[in-house]
Amino acid sequence: MADTRKIGDLDVHPLSLGGNVFGWTADRDHSFEILDAYAAAGGDFVDTADSYMASAPGNVGGESETIIGDWMAERRNRDDIVVATKVGRHPGRRGLAPANIRAAADDSLRRLRTDRIDLYYTHFDDPSVPVEDIMGTLDELVRAGKVREIAVSNIDLDRLEASLEFSEREGTARYVAIQPHYNLVSRDTYEGPRRDLAERYGLACVPYYGLASGFLTGKYRPGAEVDSPRAGRAGEYLKTERGRRVLAALDLVAEEQGAPVATVALAWLAAQPTVAAPIASARTLEQLQPILQALRTTLTEAQLAALTDASA
């Protein structure tokens, strides 16, 4: 992978550290350890959301942002970190009505202990709000200096295209990145019309679920018991022919590379058209190592083709 990738005017590390485990399966101390190790390896692109991790018992949402904000404040490294967060799913700030976006952005800034969000995503679209209202409000945040670049995650194609057309027509801030569900066992969630649109408008792809909730780490095998809150979701892939084919192909390439299965899965994803920086999370330092190793792994054309064919 290249040393950095371009997302709008942002220069980012080519592997983004997911913050969805912070305040959930990784407590504050373990989250600091993971963030420290990622930064020590040259990482600077941290992804979170205002809703992380509201679903965990005892949480209210925003716990991940708070941990990241505390870490940056303690390490005094805010200017070295590119922070991406999202709006629209916090239990107390649902939707994309203009007043809600403004209030949610201020909430995120407070939790992150910063004066600006580097990359601000609409987490899930809100069809009840006209795209011109959403884009106009995001443009306000950019002009106010609270947000540097804007991006989009989950949205229907017609609404995405309408948003991009509005920005071009009105000269407002425009989306520079898209964060889709995309990995070796979920390709149709991005490839096709969605990727075509991203290419046409020059959107950088920052895919989530890069390791398919852990399935693409290779730890899910027939008869294996995995201690993970995501075990149910990840284990479902074993029941599909595609999942078993992909796992077999990953095993072969991993052996050829002398690398962990997770490393190979992320290296394939990073090599796909439009992808700037896959997102991967780790709740332990042990889980972080194969993620970081993907940065030093270049797959051959034959290996890329074998994985692509197996996942078709």
C-alpha atoms as a PDB file:
ATOM      1  CA  MET A   1       0.000   0.000   0.000  1.00  0.00           C
ATOM      2  CA  ALA A   2       1.063   3.608  -0.525  1.00  0.00           C
ATOM      3  CA  ASP A   3       2.227   5.634   2.469  1.00  0.00           C
ATOM      4  CA  THR A   4      -0.865   7.851   2.343  1.00  0.00           C
ATOM      5  CA  ARG A   5      -4.090   8.108   0.399  1.00  0.00           C
ATOM      6  CA  LYS A   6      -6.023  11.199  -0.615  1.00  0.00           C
ATOM      7  CA  ILE A   7      -9.598  11.807   0.554  1.00  0.00           C
ATOM      8  CA  GLY A   8     -10.590  15.260  -0.585  1.00  0.00           C
ATOM      9  CA  ASP A   9      -7.946  17.530   0.916  1.00  0.00           C
ATOM     10  CA  LEU A  10      -7.093  14.989   3.607  1.00  0.00           C
ATOM     11  CA  ASP A  11      -3.982  12.822   3.515  1.00  0.00           C
ATOM     12  CA  VAL A  12      -4.768   9.599   5.368  1.00  0.00           C
ATOM     13  CA  HIS A  13      -3.105   6.371   6.371  1.00  0.00           C
ATOM     14  CA  PRO A  14      -4.145   3.563   3.976  1.00  0.00           C
ATOM     15  CA  LEU A  15      -5.731   1.546   6.772  1.00  0.00           C
ATOM     16  CA  SER A  16      -8.325   3.115   9.032  1.00  0.00           C
ATOM     17  CA  LEU A  17      -8.687   1.983  12.637  1.00  0.00           C
ATOM     18  CA  GLY A  18     -12.306   1.292  13.478  1.00  0.00           C
ATOM     19  CA  GLY A  19     -13.508   2.696  16.786  1.00  0.00           C
ATOM     20  CA  ASN A  20     -16.704   0.655  17.012  1.00  0.00           C
ATOM     21  CA  VAL A  21     -15.213  -1.586  19.718  1.00  0.00           C
ATOM     22  CA  PHE A  22     -14.124   1.300  21.971  1.00  0.00           C
ATOM     23  CA  GLY A  23     -16.414   1.480  24.964  1.00  0.00           C
ATOM     24  CA  TRP A  24     -17.861  -1.924  24.082  1.00  0.00           C
ATOM     25  CA  THR A  25     -15.530  -4.938  23.866  1.00  0.00           C
ATOM     26  CA  ALA A  26     -12.493  -2.738  24.536  1.00  0.00           C
ATOM     27  CA  ASP A  27     -12.609  -0.624  27.688  1.00  0.00           C
ATOM     28  CA  ARG A  28     -10.850   2.719  28.024  1.00  0.00           C
ATOM     29  CA  ASP A  29      -7.438   1.311  28.970  1.00  0.00           C
ATOM     30  CA  HIS A  30      -7.439  -1.347  26.246  1.00  0.00           C
ATOM     31  CA  SER A  31      -8.680   1.213  23.713  1.00  0.00           C
ATOM     32  CA  PHE A  32      -5.759   3.482  24.600  1.00  0.00           C
ATOM     33  CA  GLU A  33      -3.356   0.559  24.094  1.00  0.00           C
ATOM     34  CA  ILE A  34      -4.779  -0.172  20.657  1.00  0.00           C
ATOM     35  CA  LEU A  35      -4.745   3.483  19.627  1.00  0.00           C
ATOM     36  CA  ASP A  36      -1.158   3.846  20.878  1.00  0.00           C
ATOM     37  CA  ALA A  37      -0.012   0.800  18.902  1.00  0.00           C
ATOM     38  CA  TYR A  38      -1.796   1.950  15.750  1.00  0.00           C
ATOM     39  CA  ALA A  39      -0.242   5.437  16.003  1.00  0.00           C
ATOM     40  CA  ALA A  40       3.195   3.946  16.741  1.00  0.00           C
ATOM     41  CA  ALA A  41       2.909   1.978  13.485  1.00  0.00           C
ATOM     42  CA  GLY A  42       2.286   5.206  11.581  1.00  0.00           C
ATOM     43  CA  GLY A  43      -1.513   5.105  11.665  1.00  0.00           C
ATOM     44  CA  ASP A  44      -3.423   8.378  11.741  1.00  0.00           C
ATOM     45  CA  PHE A  45      -6.960   7.651  10.416  1.00  0.00           C
ATOM     46  CA  VAL A  46      -9.473   6.777  13.146  1.00  0.00           C
ATOM     47  CA  ASP A  47     -13.112   6.034  12.340  1.00  0.00           C
ATOM     48  CA  THR A  48     -15.985   6.331  14.805  1.00  0.00           C
ATOM     49  CA  ALA A  49     -19.638   7.474  15.033  1.00  0.00           C
ATOM     50  CA  ASP A  50     -21.784   9.371  17.481  1.00  0.00           C
ATOM     51  CA  SER A  51     -23.859   6.210  18.021  1.00  0.00           C
ATOM     52  CA  TYR A  52     -20.920   3.944  19.006  1.00  0.00           C
ATOM     53  CA  MET A  53     -21.640   1.998  21.186  1.00  0.00           C
ATOM     54  CA  ALA A  54     -25.166   2.872  22.271  1.00  0.00           C
ATOM     55  CA  SER A  55     -26.276  -0.745  21.939  1.00  0.00           C
ATOM     56  CA  ALA A  56     -23.958  -1.990  24.704  1.00  0.00           C
ATOM     57  CA  PRO A  57     -25.527  -2.422  28.169  1.00  0.00           C
ATOM     58  CA  GLY A  58     -25.173   0.730  30.231  1.00  0.00           C
ATOM     59  CA  ASN A  59     -24.131   2.902  27.286  1.00  0.00           C
ATOM     60  CA  VAL A  60     -25.974   5.905  25.867  1.00  0.00           C
ATOM     61  CA  GLY A  61     -23.972   6.465  22.654  1.00  0.00           C
ATOM     62  CA  GLY A  62     -20.869   8.505  22.090  1.00  0.00           C
ATOM     63  CA  GLU A  63     -18.629   6.338  24.273  1.00  0.00           C
ATOM     64  CA  SER A  64     -16.228   5.669  21.404  1.00  0.00           C
ATOM     65  CA  GLU A  65     -15.923   9.370  20.583  1.00  0.00           C
ATOM     66  CA  THR A  66     -15.265  10.155  24.240  1.00  0.00           C
ATOM     67  CA  ILE A  67     -12.475   7.585  24.476  1.00  0.00           C
ATOM     68  CA  ILE A  68     -10.838   8.845  21.273  1.00  0.00           C
ATOM     69  CA  GLY A  69     -11.146  12.437  22.457  1.00  0.00           C
ATOM     70  CA  ASP A  70      -9.617  11.603  25.836  1.00  0.00           C
ATOM     71  CA  TRP A  71      -6.779   9.724  24.137  1.00  0.00           C
ATOM     72  CA  MET A  72      -5.959  12.615  21.809  1.00  0.00           C
ATOM     73  CA  ALA A  73      -6.064  15.063  24.701  1.00  0.00           C
ATOM     74  CA  GLU A  74      -3.770  12.933  26.881  1.00  0.00           C
ATOM     75  CA  ARG A  75      -1.346  12.213  24.027  1.00  0.00           C
ATOM     76  CA  ARG A  76      -1.561  15.815  22.731  1.00  0.00           C
ATOM     77  CA  ASN A  77      -1.638  14.489  19.182  1.00  0.00           C
ATOM     78  CA  ARG A  78      -4.859  15.969  17.785  1.00  0.00           C
ATOM     79  CA  ASP A  79      -3.050  17.594  14.848  1.00  0.00           C
ATOM     80  CA  ASP A  80      -1.529  14.219  13.915  1.00  0.00           C
ATOM     81  CA  ILE A  81      -4.843  12.322  13.751  1.00  0.00           C
ATOM     82  CA  VAL A  82      -7.498  12.356  11.040  1.00  0.00           C
ATOM     83  CA  VAL A  83     -10.799  11.836  12.841  1.00  0.00           C
ATOM     84  CA  ALA A  84     -13.849  10.534  10.990  1.00  0.00           C
ATOM     85  CA  THR A  85     -17.208  10.378  12.721  1.00  0.00           C
ATOM     86  CA  LYS A  86     -20.850  10.087  11.688  1.00  0.00           C
ATOM     87  CA  VAL A  87     -24.253  11.645  12.290  1.00  0.00           C
ATOM     88  CA  GLY A  88     -27.779  10.272  12.249  1.00  0.00           C
ATOM     89  CA  ARG A  89     -27.919   7.209  14.505  1.00  0.00           C
ATOM     90  CA  HIS A  90     -27.308   8.447  18.030  1.00  0.00           C
ATOM     91  CA  PRO A  91     -30.391   7.530  20.126  1.00  0.00           C
ATOM     92  CA  GLY A  92     -30.854  11.144  21.127  1.00  0.00           C
ATOM     93  CA  ARG A  93     -29.964  12.628  17.734  1.00  0.00           C
ATOM     94  CA  ARG A  94     -31.616  10.419  15.143  1.00  0.00           C
ATOM     95  CA  GLY A  95     -32.096  11.558  11.588  1.00  0.00           C
ATOM     96  CA  LEU A  96     -30.682  14.247   9.338  1.00  0.00           C
ATOM     97  CA  ALA A  97     -32.951  17.216   9.930  1.00  0.00           C
ATOM     98  CA  PRO A  98     -30.831  20.392   9.763  1.00  0.00           C
ATOM     99  CA  ALA A  99     -31.236  21.281  13.450  1.00  0.00           C
ATOM    100  CA  ASN A 100     -30.339  17.728  14.422  1.00  0.00           C
ATOM    101  CA  ILE A 101     -27.188  17.674  12.273  1.00  0.00           C
ATOM    102  CA  ARG A 102     -26.022  20.951  13.829  1.00  0.00           C
ATOM    103  CA  ALA A 103     -26.671  19.759  17.382  1.00  0.00           C
ATOM    104  CA  ALA A 104     -25.133  16.335  16.760  1.00  0.00           C
ATOM    105  CA  ALA A 105     -21.981  17.902  15.308  1.00  0.00           C
ATOM    106  CA  ASP A 106     -21.587  20.062  18.405  1.00  0.00           C
ATOM    107  CA  ASP A 107     -22.098  16.985  20.602  1.00  0.00           C
ATOM    108  CA  SER A 108     -19.417  15.094  18.683  1.00  0.00           C
ATOM    109  CA  LEU A 109     -16.986  18.014  18.890  1.00  0.00           C
ATOM    110  CA  ARG A 110     -17.469  18.146  22.647  1.00  0.00           C
ATOM    111  CA  ARG A 111     -16.951  14.411  23.132  1.00  0.00           C
ATOM    112  CA  LEU A 112     -13.924  14.393  20.818  1.00  0.00           C
ATOM    113  CA  ARG A 113     -12.507  17.423  22.667  1.00  0.00           C
ATOM    114  CA  THR A 114     -11.677  19.175  19.422  1.00  0.00           C
ATOM    115  CA  ASP A 115     -12.707  22.178  17.356  1.00  0.00           C
ATOM    116  CA  ARG A 116     -13.116  20.338  14.053  1.00  0.00           C
ATOM    117  CA  ILE A 117     -14.135  16.995  12.589  1.00  0.00           C
ATOM    118  CA  ASP A 118     -11.867  15.992   9.729  1.00  0.00           C
ATOM    119  CA  LEU A 119     -14.317  13.730   7.884  1.00  0.00           C
ATOM    120  CA  TYR A 120     -18.035  13.855   8.720  1.00  0.00           C
ATOM    121  CA  TYR A 121     -20.317  11.114   7.384  1.00  0.00           C
ATOM    122  CA  THR A 122     -24.064  10.899   7.167  1.00  0.00           C
ATOM    123  CA  HIS A 123     -24.319   7.470   8.798  1.00  0.00           C
ATOM    124  CA  PHE A 124     -27.682   6.416   7.339  1.00  0.00           C
ATOM    125  CA  ASP A 125     -29.755   8.484   4.981  1.00  0.00           C
ATOM    126  CA  ASP A 126     -32.974  10.112   6.184  1.00  0.00           C
ATOM    127  CA  PRO A 127     -35.422  10.078   3.228  1.00  0.00           C
ATOM    128  CA  SER A 128     -37.809  12.355   5.144  1.00  0.00           C
ATOM    129  CA  VAL A 129     -35.357  15.240   4.670  1.00  0.00           C
ATOM    130  CA  PRO A 130     -34.766  16.736   1.189  1.00  0.00           C
ATOM    131  CA  VAL A 131     -31.176  16.283   0.009  1.00  0.00           C
ATOM    132  CA  GLU A 132     -30.813  20.041  -0.435  1.00  0.00           C
ATOM    133  CA  ASP A 133     -31.477  20.537   3.295  1.00  0.00           C
ATOM    134  CA  ILE A 134     -28.922  17.899   4.264  1.00  0.00           C
ATOM    135  CA  MET A 135     -26.240  19.147   1.897  1.00  0.00           C
ATOM    136  CA  GLY A 136     -26.904  22.773   2.753  1.00  0.00           C
ATOM    137  CA  THR A 137     -26.488  22.082   6.463  1.00  0.00           C
ATOM    138  CA  LEU A 138     -23.292  20.094   5.932  1.00  0.00           C
ATOM    139  CA  ASP A 139     -22.002  22.994   3.821  1.00  0.00           C
ATOM    140  CA  GLU A 140     -22.737  25.349   6.751  1.00  0.00           C
ATOM    141  CA  LEU A 141     -20.587  23.181   9.017  1.00  0.00           C
ATOM    142  CA  VAL A 142     -17.734  23.231   6.523  1.00  0.00           C
ATOM    143  CA  ARG A 143     -17.926  27.004   6.088  1.00  0.00           C
ATOM    144  CA  ALA A 144     -18.010  27.424   9.883  1.00  0.00           C
ATOM    145  CA  GLY A 145     -14.792  25.407  10.186  1.00  0.00           C
ATOM    146  CA  LYS A 146     -16.409  22.699  12.298  1.00  0.00           C
ATOM    147  CA  VAL A 147     -15.971  20.091   9.543  1.00  0.00           C
ATOM    148  CA  ARG A 148     -13.174  19.785   6.992  1.00  0.00           C
ATOM    149  CA  GLU A 149     -14.654  17.257   4.534  1.00  0.00           C
ATOM    150  CA  ILE A 150     -18.019  15.499   4.250  1.00  0.00           C
ATOM    151  CA  ALA A 151     -18.811  11.927   3.280  1.00  0.00           C
ATOM    152  CA  VAL A 152     -21.650   9.440   3.054  1.00  0.00           C
ATOM    153  CA  SER A 153     -22.191   5.888   4.250  1.00  0.00           C
ATOM    154  CA  ASN A 154     -25.511   4.067   3.822  1.00  0.00           C
ATOM    155  CA  ILE A 155     -27.791   5.628   1.206  1.00  0.00           C
ATOM    156  CA  ASP A 156     -29.871   4.646  -1.819  1.00  0.00           C
ATOM    157  CA  LEU A 157     -28.259   5.361  -5.157  1.00  0.00           C
ATOM    158  CA  ASP A 158     -30.867   7.857  -6.357  1.00  0.00           C
ATOM    159  CA  ARG A 159     -30.477   9.933  -3.198  1.00  0.00           C
ATOM    160  CA  LEU A 160     -26.683   9.748  -3.420  1.00  0.00           C
ATOM    161  CA  GLU A 161     -26.683  10.948  -7.016  1.00  0.00           C
ATOM    162  CA  ALA A 162     -29.159  13.705  -6.195  1.00  0.00           C
ATOM    163  CA  SER A 163     -26.896  14.854  -3.343  1.00  0.00           C
ATOM    164  CA  LEU A 164     -23.836  14.959  -5.573  1.00  0.00           C
ATOM    165  CA  GLU A 165     -25.718  16.752  -8.338  1.00  0.00           C
ATOM    166  CA  PHE A 166     -26.994  19.345  -5.865  1.00  0.00           C
ATOM    167  CA  SER A 167     -23.483  20.096  -4.622  1.00  0.00           C
ATOM    168  CA  GLU A 168     -22.177  20.486  -8.159  1.00  0.00           C
ATOM    169  CA  ARG A 169     -25.095  22.683  -9.200  1.00  0.00           C
ATOM    170  CA  GLU A 170     -25.080  24.929  -6.122  1.00  0.00           C
ATOM    171  CA  GLY A 171     -21.341  24.980  -5.466  1.00  0.00           C
ATOM    172  CA  THR A 172     -21.647  23.670  -1.917  1.00  0.00           C
ATOM    173  CA  ALA A 173     -19.363  21.281  -0.105  1.00  0.00           C
ATOM    174  CA  ARG A 174     -19.647  17.845  -1.707  1.00  0.00           C
ATOM    175  CA  TYR A 175     -19.129  14.309  -0.556  1.00  0.00           C
ATOM    176  CA  VAL A 176     -15.526  13.207  -1.055  1.00  0.00           C
ATOM    177  CA  ALA A 177     -15.841   9.656   0.270  1.00  0.00           C
ATOM    178  CA  ILE A 178     -18.263   6.779   0.579  1.00  0.00           C
ATOM    179  CA  GLN A 179     -18.252   4.162   3.325  1.00  0.00           C
ATOM    180  CA  PRO A 180     -20.019   1.023   2.075  1.00  0.00           C
ATOM    181  CA  HIS A 181     -20.325  -2.502   3.421  1.00  0.00           C
ATOM    182  CA  TYR A 182     -17.684  -4.243   1.305  1.00  0.00           C
ATOM    183  CA  ASN A 183     -15.438  -7.278   1.673  1.00  0.00           C
ATOM    184  CA  LEU A 184     -14.597 -10.602   0.032  1.00  0.00           C
ATOM    185  CA  VAL A 185     -17.915 -12.191   1.015  1.00  0.00           C
ATOM    186  CA  SER A 186     -20.014  -9.076   0.393  1.00  0.00           C
ATOM    187  CA  ARG A 187     -19.086  -7.597  -2.957  1.00  0.00           C
ATOM    188  CA  ASP A 188     -22.457  -6.740  -4.455  1.00  0.00           C
ATOM    189  CA  THR A 189     -23.021  -4.256  -1.610  1.00  0.00           C
ATOM    190  CA  TYR A 190     -20.549  -1.975  -3.408  1.00  0.00           C
ATOM    191  CA  GLU A 191     -19.435  -3.310  -6.781  1.00  0.00           C
ATOM    192  CA  GLY A 192     -21.678  -2.409  -9.696  1.00  0.00           C
ATOM    193  CA  PRO A 193     -23.731   0.807  -9.901  1.00  0.00           C
ATOM    194  CA  ARG A 194     -22.577   2.088  -6.492  1.00  0.00           C
ATOM    195  CA  ARG A 195     -18.903   1.799  -7.356  1.00  0.00           C
ATOM    196  CA  ASP A 196     -19.577   3.167 -10.837  1.00  0.00           C
ATOM    197  CA  LEU A 197     -21.107   6.263  -9.256  1.00  0.00           C
ATOM    198  CA  ALA A 198     -18.155   6.606  -6.873  1.00  0.00           C
ATOM    199  CA  GLU A 199     -15.748   6.434  -9.804  1.00  0.00           C
ATOM    200  CA  ARG A 200     -17.731   8.958 -11.817  1.00  0.00           C
ATOM    201  CA  TYR A 201     -17.707  11.510  -8.991  1.00  0.00           C
ATOM    202  CA  GLY A 202     -14.242  10.685  -7.667  1.00  0.00           C
ATOM    203  CA  LEU A 203     -15.386   9.400  -4.279  1.00  0.00           C
ATOM    204  CA  ALA A 204     -12.794   7.588  -2.191  1.00  0.00           C
ATOM    205  CA  CYS A 205     -14.072   4.288  -0.800  1.00  0.00           C
ATOM    206  CA  VAL A 206     -13.510   3.590   2.915  1.00  0.00           C
ATOM    207  CA  PRO A 207     -15.246   0.218   3.366  1.00  0.00           C
ATOM    208  CA  TYR A 208     -16.620  -1.038   6.669  1.00  0.00           C
ATOM    209  CA  TYR A 209     -16.908  -4.708   7.710  1.00  0.00           C
ATOM    210  CA  GLY A 210     -13.604  -5.232   5.904  1.00  0.00           C
ATOM    211  CA  LEU A 211     -13.145  -8.508   7.797  1.00  0.00           C
ATOM    212  CA  ALA A 212     -16.836  -9.504   7.669  1.00  0.00           C
ATOM    213  CA  SER A 213     -17.346  -9.265  11.439  1.00  0.00           C
ATOM    214  CA  GLY A 214     -14.286 -11.462  11.952  1.00  0.00           C
ATOM    215  CA  PHE A 215     -15.103 -14.227   9.466  1.00  0.00           C
ATOM    216  CA  LEU A 216     -12.224 -13.205   7.202  1.00  0.00           C
ATOM    217  CA  THR A 217      -9.720 -13.617  10.030  1.00  0.00           C
ATOM    218  CA  GLY A 218      -9.989 -17.371   9.456  1.00  0.00           C
ATOM    219  CA  LYS A 219     -10.907 -18.179  13.039  1.00  0.00           C
ATOM    220  CA  TYR A 220     -14.375 -19.416  12.100  1.00  0.00           C
ATOM    221  CA  ARG A 221     -14.104 -23.055  11.086  1.00  0.00           C
ATOM    222  CA  PRO A 222     -16.519 -26.008  11.149  1.00  0.00           C
ATOM    223  CA  GLY A 223     -16.852 -27.135  14.753  1.00  0.00           C
ATOM    224  CA  ALA A 224     -14.836 -24.206  16.155  1.00  0.00           C
ATOM    225  CA  GLU A 225     -16.190 -22.247  19.112  1.00  0.00           C
ATOM    226  CA  VAL A 226     -15.363 -18.529  18.938  1.00  0.00           C
ATOM    227  CA  ASP A 227     -15.760 -16.255  21.955  1.00  0.00           C
ATOM    228  CA  SER A 228     -16.951 -13.062  20.306  1.00  0.00           C
ATOM    229  CA  PRO A 229     -20.090 -10.898  20.421  1.00  0.00           C
ATOM    230  CA  ARG A 230     -20.054 -11.123  16.614  1.00  0.00           C
ATOM    231  CA  ALA A 231     -19.766 -14.899  16.422  1.00  0.00           C
ATOM    232  CA  GLY A 232     -23.366 -15.401  15.318  1.00  0.00           C
ATOM    233  CA  ARG A 233     -23.146 -13.026  12.371  1.00  0.00           C
ATOM    234  CA  ALA A 234     -19.681 -14.152  11.263  1.00  0.00           C
ATOM    235  CA  GLY A 235     -20.526 -17.828  11.634  1.00  0.00           C
ATOM    236  CA  GLU A 236     -23.350 -17.487   9.112  1.00  0.00           C
ATOM    237  CA  TYR A 237     -20.799 -17.138   6.300  1.00  0.00           C
ATOM    238  CA  LEU A 238     -19.611 -20.704   6.946  1.00  0.00           C
ATOM    239  CA  LYS A 239     -23.039 -21.932   5.900  1.00  0.00           C
ATOM    240  CA  THR A 240     -22.656 -20.521   2.397  1.00  0.00           C
ATOM    241  CA  GLU A 241     -20.756 -22.034  -0.520  1.00  0.00           C
ATOM    242  CA  ARG A 242     -19.130 -18.671  -1.239  1.00  0.00           C
ATOM    243  CA  GLY A 243     -17.939 -18.364   2.362  1.00  0.00           C
ATOM    244  CA  ARG A 244     -16.285 -21.774   2.246  1.00  0.00           C
ATOM    245  CA  ARG A 245     -14.698 -21.059  -1.154  1.00  0.00           C
ATOM    246  CA  VAL A 246     -13.296 -17.749   0.048  1.00  0.00           C
ATOM    247  CA  LEU A 247     -11.887 -19.315   3.201  1.00  0.00           C
ATOM    248  CA  ALA A 248     -10.152 -22.022   1.183  1.00  0.00           C
ATOM    249  CA  ALA A 249      -8.659 -19.466  -1.225  1.00  0.00           C
ATOM    250  CA  LEU A 250      -7.536 -17.272   1.678  1.00  0.00           C
ATOM    251  CA  ASP A 251      -5.803 -20.247   3.286  1.00  0.00           C
ATOM    252  CA  LEU A 252      -3.832 -20.934   0.103  1.00  0.00           C
ATOM    253  CA  VAL A 253      -2.787 -17.318  -0.433  1.00  0.00           C
ATOM    254  CA  ALA A 254      -1.955 -16.861   3.247  1.00  0.00           C
ATOM    255  CA  GLU A 255       0.347 -19.887   3.063  1.00  0.00           C
ATOM    256  CA  GLU A 256       2.046 -18.520  -0.051  1.00  0.00           C
ATOM    257  CA  GLN A 257       2.506 -15.115   1.564  1.00  0.00           C
ATOM    258  CA  GLY A 258       3.470 -16.451   4.980  1.00  0.00           C
ATOM    259  CA  ALA A 259       0.862 -14.092   6.392  1.00  0.00           C
ATOM    260  CA  PRO A 260      -2.296 -14.356   8.509  1.00  0.00           C
ATOM    261  CA  VAL A 261      -5.627 -14.827   6.757  1.00  0.00           C
ATOM    262  CA  ALA A 262      -6.874 -11.432   8.009  1.00  0.00           C
ATOM    263  CA  THR A 263      -3.838  -9.745   6.472  1.00  0.00           C
ATOM    264  CA  VAL A 264      -4.559 -11.265   3.076  1.00  0.00           C
ATOM    265  CA  ALA A 265      -8.265 -10.368   3.195  1.00  0.00           C
ATOM    266  CA  LEU A 266      -7.469  -6.712   3.898  1.00  0.00           C
ATOM    267  CA  ALA A 267      -4.699  -6.633   1.283  1.00  0.00           C
ATOM    268  CA  TRP A 268      -7.223  -7.836  -1.336  1.00  0.00           C
ATOM    269  CA  LEU A 269      -9.699  -5.160  -0.273  1.00  0.00           C
ATOM    270  CA  ALA A 270      -7.077  -2.405  -0.337  1.00  0.00           C
ATOM    271  CA  ALA A 271      -6.168  -3.368  -3.916  1.00  0.00           C
ATOM    272  CA  GLN A 272      -9.710  -2.885  -5.277  1.00  0.00           C
ATOM    273  CA  PRO A 273     -10.631   0.089  -7.485  1.00  0.00           C
ATOM    274  CA  THR A 274     -11.579   3.302  -5.612  1.00  0.00           C
ATOM    275  CA  VAL A 275     -10.639   1.850  -2.184  1.00  0.00           C
ATOM    276  CA  ALA A 276      -8.557   4.367  -0.229  1.00  0.00           C
ATOM    277  CA  ALA A 277      -8.443   2.822   3.227  1.00  0.00           C
ATOM    278  CA  PRO A 278     -10.283  -0.247   4.532  1.00  0.00           C
ATOM    279  CA  ILE A 279     -11.594   0.022   8.084  1.00  0.00           C
ATOM    280  CA  ALA A 280     -10.711  -2.712  10.565  1.00  0.00           C
ATOM    281  CA  SER A 281     -11.119  -2.800  14.321  1.00  0.00           C
ATOM    282  CA  ALA A 282      -9.321  -4.714  17.055  1.00  0.00           C
ATOM    283  CA  ARG A 283     -10.205  -5.245  20.686  1.00  0.00           C
ATOM    284  CA  THR A 284      -6.757  -6.578  21.613  1.00  0.00           C
ATOM    285  CA  LEU A 285      -3.181  -5.902  20.577  1.00  0.00           C
ATOM    286  CA  GLU A 286      -3.017  -9.470  19.289  1.00  0.00           C
ATOM    287  CA  GLN A 287      -5.884  -8.788  16.885  1.00  0.00           C
ATOM    288  CA  LEU A 288      -4.269  -5.549  15.739  1.00  0.00           C
ATOM    289  CA  GLN A 289      -1.045  -7.126  14.446  1.00  0.00           C
ATOM    290  CA  PRO A 290      -2.407  -8.903  11.327  1.00  0.00           C
ATOM    291  CA  ILE A 291      -4.367  -5.750  10.496  1.00  0.00           C
ATOM    292  CA  LEU A 292      -1.185  -3.672  10.533  1.00  0.00           C
ATOM    293  CA  GLN A 293       0.651  -6.354   8.564  1.00  0.00           C
ATOM    294  CA  ALA A 294      -1.706  -5.725   5.637  1.00  0.00           C
ATOM    295  CA  LEU A 295       0.165  -2.471   5.076  1.00  0.00           C
ATOM    296  CA  ARG A 296       3.320  -4.430   4.289  1.00  0.00           C
ATOM    297  CA  THR A 297       1.626  -7.055   2.128  1.00  0.00           C
ATOM    298  CA  THR A 298       1.326  -6.854  -1.649  1.00  0.00           C
ATOM    299  CA  LEU A 299      -0.566  -9.670  -3.334  1.00  0.00           C
ATOM    300  CA  THR A 300       0.464 -10.925  -6.762  1.00  0.00           C
ATOM    301  CA  GLU A 301      -1.906 -10.589  -9.715  1.00  0.00           C
ATOM    302  CA  ALA A 302      -2.480 -14.350  -9.569  1.00  0.00           C
ATOM    303  CA  GLN A 303      -3.335 -14.204  -5.873  1.00  0.00           C
ATOM    304  CA  LEU A 304      -5.724 -11.289  -6.360  1.00  0.00           C
ATOM    305  CA  ALA A 305      -7.404 -13.146  -9.230  1.00  0.00           C
ATOM    306  CA  ALA A 306      -7.738 -16.344  -7.182  1.00  0.00           C
ATOM    307  CA  LEU A 307      -9.480 -14.480  -4.351  1.00  0.00           C
ATOM    308  CA  THR A 308     -11.686 -12.539  -6.748  1.00  0.00           C
ATOM    309  CA  ASP A 309     -12.735 -15.729  -8.518  1.00  0.00           C
ATOM    310  CA  ALA A 310     -13.432 -17.553  -5.253  1.00  0.00           C
ATOM    311  CA  SER A 311     -15.636 -14.709  -4.028  1.00  0.00           C
ATOM    312  CA  ALA A 312     -17.629 -14.328  -7.239  1.00  0.00           C
END
